[in-house]
PDB file of N, CA and C in Angstrom:
ATOM      1  N   ALA A   1     -51.366 114.003 -83.958  1.00  0.00           N
ATOM      2  CA  ALA A   1     -51.684 113.658 -82.625  1.00  0.00           C
ATOM      3  C   ALA A   1     -52.938 113.075 -82.570  1.00  0.00           C
ATOM      4  N   LEU A   2     -53.917 113.517 -83.342  1.00  0.00           N
ATOM      5  CA  LEU A   2     -55.316 112.931 -83.538  1.00  0.00           C
ATOM      6  C   LEU A   2     -55.352 111.526 -84.016  1.00  0.00           C
ATOM      7  N   VAL A   3     -54.555 111.148 -85.010  1.00  0.00           N
ATOM      8  CA  VAL A   3     -54.230 109.946 -85.565  1.00  0.00           C
ATOM      9  C   VAL A   3     -53.876 108.966 -84.625  1.00  0.00           C
ATOM     10  N   ASN A   4     -52.702 109.503 -83.750  1.00  0.00           N
ATOM     11  CA  ASN A   4     -52.265 108.595 -82.782  1.00  0.00           C
ATOM     12  C   ASN A   4     -53.336 108.142 -81.699  1.00  0.00           C
ATOM     13  N   ALA A   5     -54.110 109.299 -81.331  1.00  0.00           N
ATOM     14  CA  ALA A   5     -55.101 109.055 -80.221  1.00  0.00           C
ATOM     15  C   ALA A   5     -56.236 107.938 -80.757  1.00  0.00           C
ATOM     16  N   LEU A   6     -56.468 108.137 -81.952  1.00  0.00           N
ATOM     17  CA  LEU A   6     -57.507 107.272 -82.667  1.00  0.00           C
ATOM     18  C   LEU A   6     -57.042 105.796 -82.724  1.00  0.00           C
ATOM     19  N   GLU A   7     -55.687 105.725 -83.262  1.00  0.00           N
ATOM     20  CA  GLU A   7     -55.130 104.392 -83.191  1.00  0.00           C
ATOM     21  C   GLU A   7     -55.083 103.769 -81.859  1.00  0.00           C
ATOM     22  N   GLY A   8     -54.906 104.509 -80.851  1.00  0.00           N
ATOM     23  CA  GLY A   8     -54.720 104.116 -79.438  1.00  0.00           C
ATOM     24  C   GLY A   8     -56.031 103.490 -78.976  1.00  0.00           C
ATOM     25  N   LEU A   9     -57.192 103.889 -79.716  1.00  0.00           N
ATOM     26  CA  LEU A   9     -58.481 103.604 -79.513  1.00  0.00           C
ATOM     27  C   LEU A   9     -59.008 102.328 -80.314  1.00  0.00           C
ATOM     28  N   GLY A  10     -58.064 101.968 -81.158  1.00  0.00           N
ATOM     29  CA  GLY A  10     -58.406 100.915 -82.022  1.00  0.00           C
ATOM     30  C   GLY A  10     -58.762 101.149 -83.308  1.00  0.00           C
ATOM     31  N   PHE A  11     -58.741 102.427 -83.740  1.00  0.00           N
ATOM     32  CA  PHE A  11     -59.207 102.890 -84.971  1.00  0.00           C
ATOM     33  C   PHE A  11     -58.022 102.918 -85.886  1.00  0.00           C
ATOM     34  N   THR A  12     -58.092 102.665 -87.336  1.00  0.00           N
ATOM     35  CA  THR A  12     -56.976 103.002 -88.184  1.00  0.00           C
ATOM     36  C   THR A  12     -57.707 103.844 -89.434  1.00  0.00           C
ATOM     37  N   SER A  13     -56.840 104.593 -90.038  1.00  0.00           N
ATOM     38  CA  SER A  13     -57.417 105.402 -91.125  1.00  0.00           C
ATOM     39  C   SER A  13     -57.942 104.238 -92.400  1.00  0.00           C
ATOM     40  N   ALA A  14     -57.451 103.033 -92.205  1.00  0.00           N
ATOM     41  CA  ALA A  14     -57.784 102.180 -93.493  1.00  0.00           C
ATOM     42  C   ALA A  14     -58.958 101.561 -93.051  1.00  0.00           C
ATOM     43  N   GLU A  15     -59.511 101.631 -91.947  1.00  0.00           N
ATOM     44  CA  GLU A  15     -60.777 101.046 -91.574  1.00  0.00           C
ATOM     45  C   GLU A  15     -61.987 101.497 -92.418  1.00  0.00           C
ATOM     46  N   ILE A  16     -62.771 100.834 -93.054  1.00  0.00           N
ATOM     47  CA  ILE A  16     -63.970 100.909 -93.902  1.00  0.00           C
ATOM     48  C   ILE A  16     -64.888 101.918 -93.222  1.00  0.00           C
ATOM     49  N   GLU A  17     -65.239 101.687 -91.844  1.00  0.00           N
ATOM     50  CA  GLU A  17     -66.187 102.350 -91.156  1.00  0.00           C
ATOM     51  C   GLU A  17     -65.733 103.651 -90.459  1.00  0.00           C
ATOM     52  N   PHE A  18     -64.516 104.169 -90.960  1.00  0.00           N
ATOM     53  CA  PHE A  18     -63.695 105.131 -90.129  1.00  0.00           C
ATOM     54  C   PHE A  18     -64.619 106.512 -90.159  1.00  0.00           C
ATOM     55  N   GLU A  19     -65.160 106.922 -91.074  1.00  0.00           N
ATOM     56  CA  GLU A  19     -66.020 108.074 -91.113  1.00  0.00           C
ATOM     57  C   GLU A  19     -67.131 108.160 -90.081  1.00  0.00           C
ATOM     58  N   PRO A  20     -67.992 107.054 -90.124  1.00  0.00           N
ATOM     59  CA  PRO A  20     -68.981 107.408 -89.036  1.00  0.00           C
ATOM     60  C   PRO A  20     -68.489 107.141 -87.660  1.00  0.00           C
ATOM     61  N   LYS A  21     -67.360 106.633 -87.326  1.00  0.00           N
ATOM     62  CA  LYS A  21     -66.840 106.683 -86.059  1.00  0.00           C
ATOM     63  C   LYS A  21     -66.023 108.037 -85.706  1.00  0.00           C
ATOM     64  N   LYS A  22     -65.629 108.515 -86.749  1.00  0.00           N
ATOM     65  CA  LYS A  22     -65.049 109.880 -86.590  1.00  0.00           C
ATOM     66  C   LYS A  22     -66.129 110.830 -86.332  1.00  0.00           C
ATOM     67  N   THR A  23     -67.191 110.760 -86.869  1.00  0.00           N
ATOM     68  CA  THR A  23     -68.431 111.794 -86.723  1.00  0.00           C
ATOM     69  C   THR A  23     -68.772 111.453 -85.148  1.00  0.00           C
ATOM     70  N   GLU A  24     -68.924 110.098 -84.801  1.00  0.00           N
ATOM     71  CA  GLU A  24     -69.301 109.914 -83.454  1.00  0.00           C
ATOM     72  C   GLU A  24     -68.319 110.371 -82.418  1.00  0.00           C
ATOM     73  N   ILE A  25     -67.048 110.375 -82.589  1.00  0.00           N
ATOM     74  CA  ILE A  25     -66.141 110.838 -81.692  1.00  0.00           C
ATOM     75  C   ILE A  25     -66.199 112.233 -81.768  1.00  0.00           C
ATOM     76  N   LEU A  26     -66.285 112.954 -82.795  1.00  0.00           N
ATOM     77  CA  LEU A  26     -66.259 114.416 -82.774  1.00  0.00           C
ATOM     78  C   LEU A  26     -67.575 114.970 -82.113  1.00  0.00           C
ATOM     79  N   ALA A  27     -68.753 114.258 -82.290  1.00  0.00           N
ATOM     80  CA  ALA A  27     -69.805 114.534 -81.492  1.00  0.00           C
ATOM     81  C   ALA A  27     -69.769 114.433 -80.105  1.00  0.00           C
ATOM     82  N   LYS A  28     -69.112 113.403 -79.689  1.00  0.00           N
ATOM     83  CA  LYS A  28     -68.959 113.212 -78.263  1.00  0.00           C
ATOM     84  C   LYS A  28     -67.990 114.444 -77.648  1.00  0.00           C
ATOM     85  N   PHE A  29     -66.805 114.818 -78.409  1.00  0.00           N
ATOM     86  CA  PHE A  29     -66.016 115.802 -78.115  1.00  0.00           C
ATOM     87  C   PHE A  29     -66.896 117.134 -78.083  1.00  0.00           C
ATOM     88  N   TRP A  30     -67.595 117.550 -78.935  1.00  0.00           N
ATOM     89  CA  TRP A  30     -68.269 118.686 -78.832  1.00  0.00           C
ATOM     90  C   TRP A  30     -69.295 118.781 -77.757  1.00  0.00           C
ATOM     91  N   ALA A  31     -70.007 117.671 -77.329  1.00  0.00           N
ATOM     92  CA  ALA A  31     -70.823 117.707 -76.207  1.00  0.00           C
ATOM     93  C   ALA A  31     -70.141 117.870 -75.080  1.00  0.00           C
ATOM     94  N   GLU A  32     -68.854 117.251 -74.896  1.00  0.00           N
ATOM     95  CA  GLU A  32     -68.186 117.569 -73.621  1.00  0.00           C
ATOM     96  C   GLU A  32     -67.696 118.928 -73.576  1.00  0.00           C
ATOM     97  N   SER A  33     -67.290 119.433 -74.650  1.00  0.00           N
ATOM     98  CA  SER A  33     -66.884 120.963 -74.751  1.00  0.00           C
ATOM     99  C   SER A  33     -68.238 121.702 -74.281  1.00  0.00           C
ATOM    100  N   ASP A  34     -69.358 121.462 -74.803  1.00  0.00           N
ATOM    101  CA  ASP A  34     -70.499 122.171 -74.578  1.00  0.00           C
ATOM    102  C   ASP A  34     -70.753 122.366 -72.906  1.00  0.00           C
ATOM    103  N   LEU A  35     -70.729 121.115 -72.437  1.00  0.00           N
ATOM    104  CA  LEU A  35     -70.890 120.968 -70.986  1.00  0.00           C
ATOM    105  C   LEU A  35     -69.752 121.769 -70.183  1.00  0.00           C
ATOM    106  N   LEU A  36     -68.594 121.736 -70.584  1.00  0.00           N
ATOM    107  CA  LEU A  36     -67.565 122.522 -69.827  1.00  0.00           C
ATOM    108  C   LEU A  36     -67.777 123.931 -70.036  1.00  0.00           C
ATOM    109  N   ASN A  37     -68.148 124.399 -71.156  1.00  0.00           N
ATOM    110  CA  ASN A  37     -68.622 125.846 -71.373  1.00  0.00           C
ATOM    111  C   ASN A  37     -69.793 126.211 -70.479  1.00  0.00           C
ATOM    112  N   ILE A  38     -70.719 125.516 -70.267  1.00  0.00           N
ATOM    113  CA  ILE A  38     -72.004 125.726 -69.539  1.00  0.00           C
ATOM    114  C   ILE A  38     -71.428 125.839 -67.918  1.00  0.00           C
ATOM    115  N   GLN A  39     -70.647 124.608 -67.681  1.00  0.00           N
ATOM    116  CA  GLN A  39     -70.201 124.765 -66.257  1.00  0.00           C
ATOM    117  C   GLN A  39     -69.388 125.989 -65.996  1.00  0.00           C
ATOM    118  N   GLU A  40     -68.580 126.357 -66.904  1.00  0.00           N
ATOM    119  CA  GLU A  40     -67.793 127.698 -66.585  1.00  0.00           C
ATOM    120  C   GLU A  40     -68.756 129.038 -66.384  1.00  0.00           C
ATOM    121  N   LEU A  41     -69.858 128.954 -66.856  1.00  0.00           N
ATOM    122  CA  LEU A  41     -70.879 129.897 -66.755  1.00  0.00           C
ATOM    123  C   LEU A  41     -71.622 129.606 -65.371  1.00  0.00           C
ATOM    124  N   GLY A  42     -71.109 128.652 -64.682  1.00  0.00           N
ATOM    125  CA  GLY A  42     -71.877 128.480 -63.299  1.00  0.00           C
ATOM    126  C   GLY A  42     -73.074 127.671 -63.305  1.00  0.00           C
ATOM    127  N   PHE A  43     -73.397 126.907 -64.261  1.00  0.00           N
ATOM    128  CA  PHE A  43     -74.510 125.839 -64.188  1.00  0.00           C
ATOM    129  C   PHE A  43     -74.033 124.356 -64.102  1.00  0.00           C
ATOM    130  N   ALA A  44     -74.842 123.530 -63.498  1.00  0.00           N
ATOM    131  CA  ALA A  44     -74.484 122.095 -63.325  1.00  0.00           C
ATOM    132  C   ALA A  44     -74.397 121.287 -64.527  1.00  0.00           C
ATOM    133  N   ASP A  45     -75.363 121.604 -65.615  1.00  0.00           N
ATOM    134  CA  ASP A  45     -75.513 120.842 -66.815  1.00  0.00           C
ATOM    135  C   ASP A  45     -76.332 121.517 -67.899  1.00  0.00           C
ATOM    136  N   ARG A  46     -76.573 120.819 -68.962  1.00  0.00           N
ATOM    137  CA  ARG A  46     -77.458 121.564 -70.023  1.00  0.00           C
ATOM    138  C   ARG A  46     -78.706 121.913 -69.393  1.00  0.00           C
ATOM    139  N   GLU A  47     -79.511 121.009 -68.771  1.00  0.00           N
ATOM    140  CA  GLU A  47     -80.762 121.149 -68.187  1.00  0.00           C
ATOM    141  C   GLU A  47     -80.813 122.276 -67.184  1.00  0.00           C
ATOM    142  N   ASP A  48     -79.847 122.386 -66.549  1.00  0.00           N
ATOM    143  CA  ASP A  48     -79.764 123.444 -65.411  1.00  0.00           C
ATOM    144  C   ASP A  48     -79.850 124.861 -66.337  1.00  0.00           C
ATOM    145  N   PHE A  49     -78.868 124.729 -67.465  1.00  0.00           N
ATOM    146  CA  PHE A  49     -78.728 126.079 -68.212  1.00  0.00           C
ATOM    147  C   PHE A  49     -80.031 126.350 -68.780  1.00  0.00           C
ATOM    148  N   GLU A  50     -80.701 125.347 -69.386  1.00  0.00           N
ATOM    149  CA  GLU A  50     -81.919 125.661 -70.097  1.00  0.00           C
ATOM    150  C   GLU A  50     -83.142 126.244 -69.133  1.00  0.00           C
ATOM    151  N   ALA A  51     -83.160 125.741 -67.924  1.00  0.00           N
ATOM    152  CA  ALA A  51     -84.044 126.059 -66.927  1.00  0.00           C
ATOM    153  C   ALA A  51     -83.777 127.500 -66.418  1.00  0.00           C
ATOM    154  N   LYS A  52     -82.587 127.875 -66.303  1.00  0.00           N
ATOM    155  CA  LYS A  52     -82.064 129.120 -65.488  1.00  0.00           C
ATOM    156  C   LYS A  52     -81.403 130.204 -66.205  1.00  0.00           C
ATOM    157  N   ALA A  53     -80.958 129.875 -67.560  1.00  0.00           N
ATOM    158  CA  ALA A  53     -79.990 130.927 -68.097  1.00  0.00           C
ATOM    159  C   ALA A  53     -80.869 132.047 -68.560  1.00  0.00           C
ATOM    160  N   THR A  54     -80.187 133.299 -68.437  1.00  0.00           N
ATOM    161  CA  THR A  54     -80.855 134.459 -68.854  1.00  0.00           C
ATOM    162  C   THR A  54     -80.352 134.740 -70.341  1.00  0.00           C
ATOM    163  N   GLU A  55     -80.951 135.960 -71.091  1.00  0.00           N
ATOM    164  CA  GLU A  55     -80.401 136.032 -72.280  1.00  0.00           C
ATOM    165  C   GLU A  55     -78.803 136.417 -72.290  1.00  0.00           C
ATOM    166  N   VAL A  56     -78.464 137.021 -71.117  1.00  0.00           N
ATOM    167  CA  VAL A  56     -77.022 137.476 -71.018  1.00  0.00           C
ATOM    168  C   VAL A  56     -76.111 136.066 -71.085  1.00  0.00           C
ATOM    169  N   ASP A  57     -76.696 135.124 -70.247  1.00  0.00           N
ATOM    170  CA  ASP A  57     -76.107 133.861 -70.140  1.00  0.00           C
ATOM    171  C   ASP A  57     -75.914 133.174 -71.563  1.00  0.00           C
ATOM    172  N   ARG A  58     -76.942 133.187 -72.259  1.00  0.00           N
ATOM    173  CA  ARG A  58     -77.007 132.761 -73.606  1.00  0.00           C
ATOM    174  C   ARG A  58     -76.155 133.293 -74.610  1.00  0.00           C
ATOM    175  N   GLU A  59     -76.024 134.543 -74.324  1.00  0.00           N
ATOM    176  CA  GLU A  59     -74.867 135.353 -75.331  1.00  0.00           C
ATOM    177  C   GLU A  59     -73.662 134.912 -74.773  1.00  0.00           C
ATOM    178  N   ALA A  60     -73.443 134.766 -73.662  1.00  0.00           N
ATOM    179  CA  ALA A  60     -71.954 134.545 -73.143  1.00  0.00           C
ATOM    180  C   ALA A  60     -71.529 133.102 -73.581  1.00  0.00           C
ATOM    181  N   LEU A  61     -72.640 132.135 -73.650  1.00  0.00           N
ATOM    182  CA  LEU A  61     -72.094 130.831 -74.280  1.00  0.00           C
ATOM    183  C   LEU A  61     -71.989 130.889 -75.754  1.00  0.00           C
ATOM    184  N   GLU A  62     -72.828 131.743 -76.416  1.00  0.00           N
ATOM    185  CA  GLU A  62     -72.712 131.703 -77.794  1.00  0.00           C
ATOM    186  C   GLU A  62     -71.233 132.332 -78.209  1.00  0.00           C
ATOM    187  N   LEU A  63     -70.636 133.389 -77.355  1.00  0.00           N
ATOM    188  CA  LEU A  63     -69.225 134.022 -77.399  1.00  0.00           C
ATOM    189  C   LEU A  63     -68.228 132.861 -77.503  1.00  0.00           C
ATOM    190  N   LYS A  64     -68.524 131.907 -76.400  1.00  0.00           N
ATOM    191  CA  LYS A  64     -67.594 130.833 -76.128  1.00  0.00           C
ATOM    192  C   LYS A  64     -67.374 129.958 -77.347  1.00  0.00           C
ATOM    193  N   TRP A  65     -68.456 129.947 -78.119  1.00  0.00           N
ATOM    194  CA  TRP A  65     -68.462 128.858 -79.162  1.00  0.00           C
ATOM    195  C   TRP A  65     -67.733 129.620 -80.561  1.00  0.00           C
ATOM    196  N   ARG A  66     -67.472 130.913 -80.544  1.00  0.00           N
ATOM    197  CA  ARG A  66     -66.856 131.534 -81.657  1.00  0.00           C
ATOM    198  C   ARG A  66     -65.303 131.535 -81.493  1.00  0.00           C
TER     199      ARG A  66
END
């Protein structure tokens, strides 16, 4: 499925610069995943979380990462 999705975006496994692009795609995926986790805890975005999160909130976010 991942290969098909990447090919749909114009990437092929034979592409010389595949590894850097894969890293970029995964970084974007993890950033979006982190944002969703933060929003599930009731915060608007990372800045809101950093400004208002309690230790309990931080522990809850860490549990989502496991």
